[in-house]
Amino acid sequence: MKTMETITWNDFEKVELRVGKVIKVEDFPEARKPAYKLEIDFGKEIGIKKSSAQFTKLYTKEQLLGRLVVCVVNFPVKQIANFYSECLTTGFNTEKGIVLLQPEQDVPLGSKVC
């Protein structure tokens, strides 16, 4: 069994896991690993952020468009090739590819995971 570092509740509260809606998906041929460029709408409070996401094995661009996703929105901006990723789109790494973490029901854009 893998040992995990224990964190405090305050540590968890610092992570801004928010729900957003994918509003734009583009190919990202410049990335080292297959990925898409996403634009995600988090509502009025946070606005639109960009993300590089390696979901190309299990999702087409059309399948991602309009989908609700869960992202970390308070990481620093990360440059990936010629693109600046402003949030981390979360998922589960499986043998078949990365499976999106997403709410099972509609929730307001920008809602925080609690």
Protein backbone atom coordinates (compact mmCIF):
# COMPACT_ATOMS: atom_id res chain seq x y z
CA MET A 1 0.00 0.00 0.00
CA LYS A 2 1.29 3.43 -0.95
CA THR A 3 1.84 5.79 1.95
CA MET A 4 0.30 9.22 1.54
CA GLU A 5 1.25 12.48 3.10
CA THR A 6 -1.41 13.68 5.53
CA ILE A 7 -2.62 17.22 4.99
CA THR A 8 -4.73 19.46 7.17
CA TRP A 9 -8.22 20.72 6.44
CA ASN A 10 -6.67 24.16 5.94
CA ASP A 11 -4.38 22.69 3.25
CA PHE A 12 -7.39 21.26 1.41
CA GLU A 13 -9.29 24.54 1.64
CA LYS A 14 -6.45 26.29 -0.21
CA VAL A 15 -7.10 24.18 -3.34
CA GLU A 16 -9.73 25.89 -5.50
CA LEU A 17 -11.43 22.95 -7.23
CA ARG A 18 -14.16 24.58 -9.31
CA VAL A 19 -16.71 23.46 -11.88
CA GLY A 20 -16.48 24.94 -15.35
CA LYS A 21 -17.98 24.36 -18.79
CA VAL A 22 -15.77 23.65 -21.80
CA ILE A 23 -16.62 26.34 -24.36
CA LYS A 24 -13.79 25.82 -26.88
CA VAL A 25 -11.58 22.85 -27.84
CA GLU A 26 -8.63 22.93 -30.24
CA ASP A 27 -5.92 20.49 -31.23
CA PHE A 28 -2.52 21.13 -29.62
CA PRO A 29 0.07 19.65 -32.01
CA GLU A 30 2.95 21.56 -30.36
CA ALA A 31 2.54 19.68 -27.04
CA ARG A 32 5.01 16.84 -26.34
CA LYS A 33 2.15 14.51 -25.30
CA PRO A 34 -1.15 14.45 -27.19
CA ALA A 35 -3.40 17.16 -25.75
CA TYR A 36 -6.16 19.64 -26.45
CA LYS A 37 -6.27 23.37 -25.77
CA LEU A 38 -9.43 24.09 -23.79
CA GLU A 39 -11.24 27.28 -22.88
CA ILE A 40 -13.39 26.78 -19.80
CA ASP A 41 -16.07 29.12 -18.44
CA PHE A 42 -16.19 29.26 -14.63
CA GLY A 43 -18.93 31.88 -14.39
CA LYS A 44 -18.90 35.57 -13.49
CA GLU A 45 -16.62 35.37 -10.43
CA ILE A 46 -13.70 33.57 -12.11
CA GLY A 47 -14.40 34.02 -15.83
CA ILE A 48 -12.83 32.04 -18.67
CA LYS A 49 -9.53 30.18 -18.23
CA LYS A 50 -7.39 28.15 -20.61
CA SER A 51 -6.15 24.63 -19.95
CA SER A 52 -3.98 22.09 -21.74
CA ALA A 53 -5.59 18.69 -21.23
CA GLN A 54 -4.38 15.22 -22.21
CA PHE A 55 -7.82 13.69 -22.84
CA THR A 56 -7.26 12.84 -26.51
CA LYS A 57 -7.39 9.03 -26.11
CA LEU A 58 -10.91 8.84 -24.69
CA TYR A 59 -12.61 12.06 -25.85
CA THR A 60 -13.06 13.77 -29.18
CA LYS A 61 -13.20 17.56 -29.37
CA GLU A 62 -16.94 17.30 -29.97
CA GLN A 63 -17.42 15.15 -26.84
CA LEU A 64 -15.59 17.70 -24.67
CA LEU A 65 -17.40 20.77 -25.96
CA GLY A 66 -20.15 21.81 -23.54
CA ARG A 67 -19.09 19.32 -20.87
CA LEU A 68 -18.81 20.24 -17.19
CA VAL A 69 -15.33 19.64 -15.77
CA VAL A 70 -13.62 20.02 -12.39
CA CYS A 71 -10.45 22.12 -12.41
CA VAL A 72 -7.88 23.53 -10.01
CA VAL A 73 -8.11 27.25 -10.75
CA ASN A 74 -5.52 28.63 -8.32
CA PHE A 75 -2.31 27.03 -9.60
CA PRO A 76 0.21 29.41 -11.18
CA VAL A 77 0.11 29.72 -14.98
CA LYS A 78 2.18 26.99 -16.66
CA GLN A 79 3.71 27.36 -20.11
CA ILE A 80 3.35 24.27 -22.28
CA ALA A 81 5.07 24.79 -25.63
CA ASN A 82 3.60 28.07 -26.97
CA PHE A 83 0.48 27.91 -24.74
CA TYR A 84 -0.18 29.24 -21.24
CA SER A 85 -2.34 26.88 -19.18
CA GLU A 86 -4.23 28.79 -16.47
CA CYS A 87 -5.93 25.88 -14.69
CA LEU A 88 -5.59 22.12 -14.27
CA THR A 89 -8.43 20.01 -15.67
CA THR A 90 -8.70 16.95 -13.41
CA GLY A 91 -9.15 13.31 -14.29
CA PHE A 92 -8.23 9.74 -13.47
CA ASN A 93 -5.27 8.10 -15.19
CA THR A 94 -6.31 4.65 -16.48
CA GLU A 95 -4.74 2.11 -18.82
CA LYS A 96 -7.06 3.32 -21.60
CA GLY A 97 -6.38 7.03 -21.06
CA ILE A 98 -7.39 9.87 -18.74
CA VAL A 99 -11.04 9.87 -17.64
CA LEU A 100 -12.50 13.29 -16.82
CA LEU A 101 -13.57 14.12 -13.28
CA GLN A 102 -16.99 15.71 -13.65
CA PRO A 103 -20.18 16.28 -11.65
CA GLU A 104 -23.00 13.81 -12.20
CA GLN A 105 -25.59 16.60 -12.19
CA ASP A 106 -25.68 20.22 -13.36
CA VAL A 107 -24.20 22.63 -10.86
CA PRO A 108 -23.67 26.40 -11.18
CA LEU A 109 -20.47 27.38 -13.00
CA GLY A 110 -17.71 28.25 -10.54
CA SER A 111 -19.09 26.05 -7.75
CA LYS A 112 -16.34 24.93 -5.37
CA VAL A 113 -15.77 21.31 -4.41
CA CYS A 114 -16.36 20.95 -0.68
